[in-house]
Amino acid sequence: MFKLRSWGWALVLAIAVGGVVFSQSLALSKDSLTHSIENIPMPKLENPLRILTPANEIFEIASCSTKDFGFAITNAQIPPGAGPLPHVHYYINEFFWPPQGGIEIFHSERKFPDMGKPPTMEAAGRASLYAITPQPKQVIYSPHTFMHGFVNPTDETLPITMIWVRDAIAPDFEYHDGGMREYFSAVGAHIEDLNNLPTLTEAQRNAFVTEAPKFGINQSSYMMQYVSAISDEFPSNLAKLENTQALTKVIETIEAFNRGDKSVTCS
């Protein structure tokens, strides 16, 4: 039986990457490899969906869509030691935005384009991960087919916002968002009271891995299943990854919904 393990403490030495915060700007500094933004809004919903994920993350999650664009977004609270083990997305492209910093993000240089060949020794082969601890409000972008994960290595709960933008190859899930809301709804524990969190079951922890391919994800079940080595020398080509157009459209879509624009659906 699968039992999801936490990343643990002190997996790698963190590398701090400095950045410049631009007020509501996604511009890339000529003198910096980092991308930062002052604020990312959430859709204003009366009864937001809250989920405790099998990776021990506390999510407030929403899905938004227009005629030709869809995404899911979560404001997450990450307890000490929590975070998802290495995995690969095929249906979405992901943004990480830690408003306080402190979260260690791990990312591969190598892509895994075939969902039928995960990064295991028996299939596509394992790969190295590279660690970065973003500055507060720094944006880290992870296109689909790259392996990644993150962990909170501190002794306090930290916030992070994640955005999953539907890729063109994604099937049309119920919320037209690339499937991430549907995935976490299926495998996580729904939260009714933030002061009284539910208990995750062994079945939910198993489903986090076994159900993932239905939603375009290969999710590892233990730390080194997909990983051959971990380095704190984050490559510049990974730091340069960005998708200003998509992130700008996410923010504009949320702001339009919050103004009452009926062409936008958020739930």
Protein backbone atom coordinates (compact mmCIF):
# COMPACT_ATOMS: atom_id res chain seq x y z
CA MET A 1 0.00 0.00 0.00
CA PHE A 2 1.20 3.46 -0.85
CA LYS A 3 1.81 5.89 1.97
CA LEU A 4 2.67 9.45 0.95
CA ARG A 5 5.79 10.63 2.74
CA SER A 6 6.62 14.23 3.52
CA TRP A 7 9.72 15.75 1.98
CA GLY A 8 11.36 15.96 5.40
CA TRP A 9 13.75 18.59 6.61
CA ALA A 10 16.92 19.95 5.03
CA LEU A 11 16.77 18.07 1.74
CA VAL A 12 19.01 20.61 0.06
CA LEU A 13 20.63 23.94 0.80
CA ALA A 14 18.30 26.69 -0.36
CA ILE A 15 19.54 29.24 -2.86
CA ALA A 16 18.01 32.69 -2.47
CA VAL A 17 17.43 34.52 -5.73
CA GLY A 18 17.03 38.27 -5.46
CA GLY A 19 14.35 40.12 -7.34
CA VAL A 20 12.66 43.43 -7.90
CA VAL A 21 8.98 43.83 -7.02
CA PHE A 22 6.98 45.69 -9.65
CA SER A 23 3.62 47.14 -8.61
CA GLN A 24 1.10 45.19 -10.72
CA SER A 25 3.80 44.67 -13.36
CA LEU A 26 5.09 41.46 -14.87
CA ALA A 27 8.08 43.04 -16.59
CA LEU A 28 11.39 41.16 -16.58
CA SER A 29 14.22 43.26 -15.18
CA LYS A 30 17.17 43.64 -17.54
CA ASP A 31 19.52 43.04 -14.61
CA SER A 32 17.63 40.17 -13.00
CA LEU A 33 16.40 36.71 -13.86
CA THR A 34 13.43 36.99 -11.52
CA HIS A 35 9.82 37.93 -12.19
CA SER A 36 7.80 39.49 -9.40
CA ILE A 37 4.30 40.90 -8.93
CA GLU A 38 2.79 42.81 -6.05
CA ASN A 39 -0.58 41.05 -5.82
CA ILE A 40 -2.60 38.22 -7.34
CA PRO A 41 -6.34 38.50 -6.58
CA MET A 42 -8.72 35.65 -5.81
CA PRO A 43 -12.25 35.40 -7.19
CA LYS A 44 -14.74 36.76 -4.66
CA LEU A 45 -16.94 33.76 -3.94
CA GLU A 46 -19.57 33.44 -1.21
CA ASN A 47 -18.66 29.86 -0.32
CA PRO A 48 -15.16 29.04 -1.56
CA LEU A 49 -14.13 25.41 -1.84
CA ARG A 50 -11.62 24.41 0.84
CA ILE A 51 -9.68 21.16 0.62
CA LEU A 52 -7.02 19.42 2.70
CA THR A 53 -4.86 17.71 0.10
CA PRO A 54 -3.07 14.38 0.62
CA ALA A 55 0.18 16.42 0.61
CA ASN A 56 -1.13 18.18 3.78
CA GLU A 57 -1.76 21.49 1.99
CA ILE A 58 -4.77 23.59 2.97
CA PHE A 59 -6.37 24.92 -0.22
CA GLU A 60 -8.96 27.58 -0.92
CA ILE A 61 -9.51 26.82 -4.58
CA ALA A 62 -11.54 28.30 -7.42
CA SER A 63 -11.94 27.71 -11.15
CA CYS A 64 -12.52 30.43 -13.74
CA SER A 65 -13.22 30.26 -17.43
CA THR A 66 -14.15 32.38 -20.41
CA LYS A 67 -14.98 31.32 -23.92
CA ASP A 68 -11.37 30.48 -24.76
CA PHE A 69 -9.47 30.46 -21.46
CA GLY A 70 -9.61 28.47 -18.26
CA PHE A 71 -7.63 28.00 -15.07
CA ALA A 72 -7.80 27.00 -11.42
CA ILE A 73 -6.24 29.07 -8.64
CA THR A 74 -5.61 28.35 -4.98
CA ASN A 75 -4.52 30.34 -1.99
CA ALA A 76 -2.77 27.64 0.00
CA GLN A 77 -1.38 27.34 3.49
CA ILE A 78 1.58 24.97 3.70
CA PRO A 79 2.42 23.59 7.17
CA PRO A 80 6.04 22.77 8.12
CA GLY A 81 7.32 19.81 6.13
CA ALA A 82 4.30 19.72 3.81
CA GLY A 83 4.15 19.97 0.04
CA PRO A 84 3.74 17.68 -2.97
CA LEU A 85 6.42 15.17 -3.90
CA PRO A 86 7.87 15.38 -7.44
CA HIS A 87 5.30 15.14 -10.21
CA VAL A 88 4.68 16.05 -13.86
CA HIS A 89 1.67 17.89 -15.33
CA TYR A 90 0.49 17.31 -18.88
CA TYR A 91 -2.77 19.30 -19.08
CA ILE A 92 -1.81 22.54 -17.31
CA ASN A 93 0.97 25.13 -16.99
CA GLU A 94 1.65 26.26 -13.43
CA PHE A 95 2.58 29.48 -11.64
CA PHE A 96 3.90 29.63 -8.06
CA TRP A 97 3.66 32.90 -6.09
CA PRO A 98 4.80 32.81 -2.43
CA PRO A 99 3.84 36.18 -0.88
CA GLN A 100 6.18 35.65 2.09
CA GLY A 101 8.81 33.50 0.36
CA GLY A 102 10.27 30.61 2.32
CA ILE A 103 8.91 27.76 0.17
CA GLU A 104 11.56 25.62 -1.57
CA ILE A 105 10.58 24.80 -5.16
CA PHE A 106 12.24 21.94 -7.03
CA HIS A 107 12.30 21.78 -10.83
CA SER A 108 13.85 19.65 -13.55
CA GLU A 109 15.62 20.86 -16.67
CA ARG A 110 14.42 17.81 -18.50
CA LYS A 111 10.94 17.43 -19.96
CA PHE A 112 8.85 14.25 -19.91
CA PRO A 113 6.55 14.65 -22.93
CA ASP A 114 4.95 11.18 -22.84
CA MET A 115 2.49 10.67 -19.98
CA GLY A 116 2.79 6.92 -20.53
CA LYS A 117 6.48 7.11 -19.69
CA PRO A 118 6.90 8.69 -16.24
CA PRO A 119 10.33 9.59 -14.86
CA THR A 120 11.03 6.22 -13.27
CA MET A 121 14.04 3.99 -13.74
CA GLU A 122 11.83 1.50 -15.60
CA ALA A 123 10.21 4.03 -17.97
CA ALA A 124 11.73 7.38 -19.06
CA GLY A 125 14.49 7.36 -16.45
CA ARG A 126 14.90 9.55 -13.41
CA ALA A 127 16.15 13.16 -13.55
CA SER A 128 17.91 15.77 -11.44
CA LEU A 129 15.93 18.42 -9.58
CA TYR A 130 17.18 21.94 -8.90
CA ALA A 131 16.12 23.94 -5.85
CA ILE A 132 15.16 27.58 -5.52
CA THR A 133 13.73 29.50 -2.58
CA PRO A 134 11.88 32.41 -4.22
CA GLN A 135 11.91 35.86 -2.73
CA PRO A 136 8.56 37.13 -1.41
CA LYS A 137 6.14 37.81 -4.31
CA GLN A 138 8.50 36.30 -6.88
CA VAL A 139 6.76 34.33 -9.64
CA ILE A 140 8.08 30.90 -10.63
CA TYR A 141 6.66 29.47 -13.85
CA SER A 142 6.58 25.75 -14.66
CA PRO A 143 5.35 24.74 -18.12
CA HIS A 144 3.74 21.34 -18.58
CA THR A 145 5.92 18.20 -18.91
CA PHE A 146 8.64 19.49 -16.54
CA MET A 147 8.98 17.65 -13.22
CA HIS A 148 8.62 19.77 -10.09
CA GLY A 149 7.47 19.84 -6.46
CA PHE A 150 7.89 21.96 -3.37
CA VAL A 151 8.26 21.79 0.40
CA ASN A 152 7.98 24.12 3.36
CA PRO A 153 11.34 23.61 5.14
CA THR A 154 10.60 26.11 7.92
CA ASP A 155 8.96 25.67 11.31
CA GLU A 156 5.96 27.89 10.47
CA THR A 157 3.00 27.59 8.12
CA LEU A 158 3.58 29.59 4.92
CA PRO A 159 1.22 30.84 2.21
CA ILE A 160 1.60 30.25 -1.50
CA THR A 161 -0.69 30.98 -4.43
CA MET A 162 -0.71 28.48 -7.28
CA ILE A 163 -2.32 28.96 -10.68
CA TRP A 164 -2.96 26.10 -13.08
CA VAL A 165 -3.67 27.37 -16.60
CA ARG A 166 -5.42 24.94 -18.94
CA ASP A 167 -3.20 23.83 -21.81
CA ALA A 168 -4.57 23.44 -25.33
CA ILE A 169 -4.19 19.65 -25.15
CA ALA A 170 -6.32 19.30 -21.99
CA PRO A 171 -9.70 17.56 -22.21
CA ASP A 172 -12.71 19.61 -21.24
CA PHE A 173 -13.18 18.93 -17.53
CA GLU A 174 -16.31 19.99 -15.65
CA TYR A 175 -14.97 23.42 -14.68
CA HIS A 176 -13.06 24.01 -17.95
CA ASP A 177 -9.90 24.60 -15.90
CA GLY A 178 -7.50 21.84 -16.97
CA GLY A 179 -8.65 19.41 -14.29
CA MET A 180 -6.81 20.50 -11.14
CA ARG A 181 -9.88 21.50 -9.12
CA GLU A 182 -11.48 18.23 -10.13
CA TYR A 183 -8.38 16.29 -9.10
CA PHE A 184 -8.11 17.77 -5.63
CA SER A 185 -11.87 17.49 -5.11
CA ALA A 186 -11.63 13.79 -5.95
CA VAL A 187 -8.62 12.87 -3.81
CA GLY A 188 -8.62 15.43 -0.98
CA ALA A 189 -10.69 15.93 2.17
CA HIS A 190 -13.24 18.75 1.99
CA ILE A 191 -12.90 21.27 4.83
CA GLU A 192 -16.03 22.50 6.59
CA ASP A 193 -14.27 24.20 9.50
CA LEU A 194 -10.73 25.57 9.24
CA ASN A 195 -10.40 25.22 13.01
CA ASN A 196 -11.28 21.53 12.84
CA LEU A 197 -9.50 19.98 9.88
CA PRO A 198 -10.59 16.57 8.60
CA THR A 199 -8.39 13.50 8.92
CA LEU A 200 -6.88 12.23 5.69
CA THR A 201 -7.48 8.55 5.03
CA GLU A 202 -5.08 6.00 3.62
CA ALA A 203 -7.40 5.68 0.63
CA GLN A 204 -7.09 9.42 -0.09
CA ARG A 205 -3.30 9.26 0.17
CA ASN A 206 -3.29 6.32 -2.24
CA ALA A 207 -5.66 8.09 -4.63
CA PHE A 208 -3.34 11.11 -4.77
CA VAL A 209 -1.01 8.89 -6.82
CA THR A 210 -3.25 6.30 -8.44
CA GLU A 211 -5.93 8.74 -9.66
CA ALA A 212 -3.48 11.39 -10.88
CA PRO A 213 -3.14 10.13 -14.49
CA LYS A 214 -6.90 10.65 -15.03
CA PHE A 215 -6.20 14.36 -14.56
CA GLY A 216 -3.02 14.53 -16.63
CA ILE A 217 -0.52 14.04 -13.80
CA ASN A 218 2.22 11.56 -13.01
CA GLN A 219 2.69 11.79 -9.23
CA SER A 220 5.54 10.05 -7.43
CA SER A 221 4.81 8.10 -4.27
CA TYR A 222 8.18 8.57 -2.57
CA MET A 223 10.91 11.17 -2.76
CA MET A 224 13.47 9.52 -5.03
CA GLN A 225 11.10 7.54 -7.25
CA TYR A 226 11.51 10.14 -10.03
CA VAL A 227 14.67 11.87 -8.80
CA SER A 228 18.31 10.96 -9.41
CA ALA A 229 19.87 13.95 -7.61
CA ILE A 230 19.00 17.32 -6.05
CA SER A 231 21.13 20.43 -6.58
CA ASP A 232 20.95 23.93 -5.10
CA GLU A 233 22.45 25.42 -8.29
CA PHE A 234 19.24 26.57 -9.97
CA PRO A 235 19.99 26.94 -13.73
CA SER A 236 19.48 30.31 -15.38
CA ASN A 237 17.37 28.76 -18.16
CA LEU A 238 14.84 27.66 -15.55
CA ALA A 239 14.89 31.04 -13.81
CA LYS A 240 14.12 32.67 -17.17
CA LEU A 241 10.95 30.64 -17.74
CA GLU A 242 7.92 32.95 -17.78
CA ASN A 243 4.53 33.38 -19.40
CA THR A 244 3.56 37.02 -18.93
CA GLN A 245 0.65 36.80 -21.34
CA ALA A 246 -1.07 33.95 -19.49
CA LEU A 247 -0.51 35.39 -16.02
CA THR A 248 -1.79 38.80 -17.11
CA LYS A 249 -4.88 37.14 -18.58
CA VAL A 250 -5.47 35.24 -15.31
CA ILE A 251 -5.42 38.48 -13.31
CA GLU A 252 -7.60 40.32 -15.82
CA THR A 253 -10.11 37.46 -15.82
CA ILE A 254 -10.38 37.43 -12.02
CA GLU A 255 -10.70 41.20 -11.87
CA ALA A 256 -13.43 41.09 -14.53
CA PHE A 257 -15.36 38.48 -12.53
CA ASN A 258 -15.00 40.53 -9.35
CA ARG A 259 -16.46 43.53 -11.22
CA GLY A 260 -19.47 41.47 -12.22
CA ASP A 261 -18.53 40.68 -15.84
CA LYS A 262 -21.00 38.01 -16.93
CA SER A 263 -18.67 36.70 -19.66
CA VAL A 264 -16.50 35.19 -16.91
CA THR A 265 -17.51 32.18 -14.82
CA CYS A 266 -15.80 31.51 -11.50
CA SER A 267 -16.85 28.96 -8.91
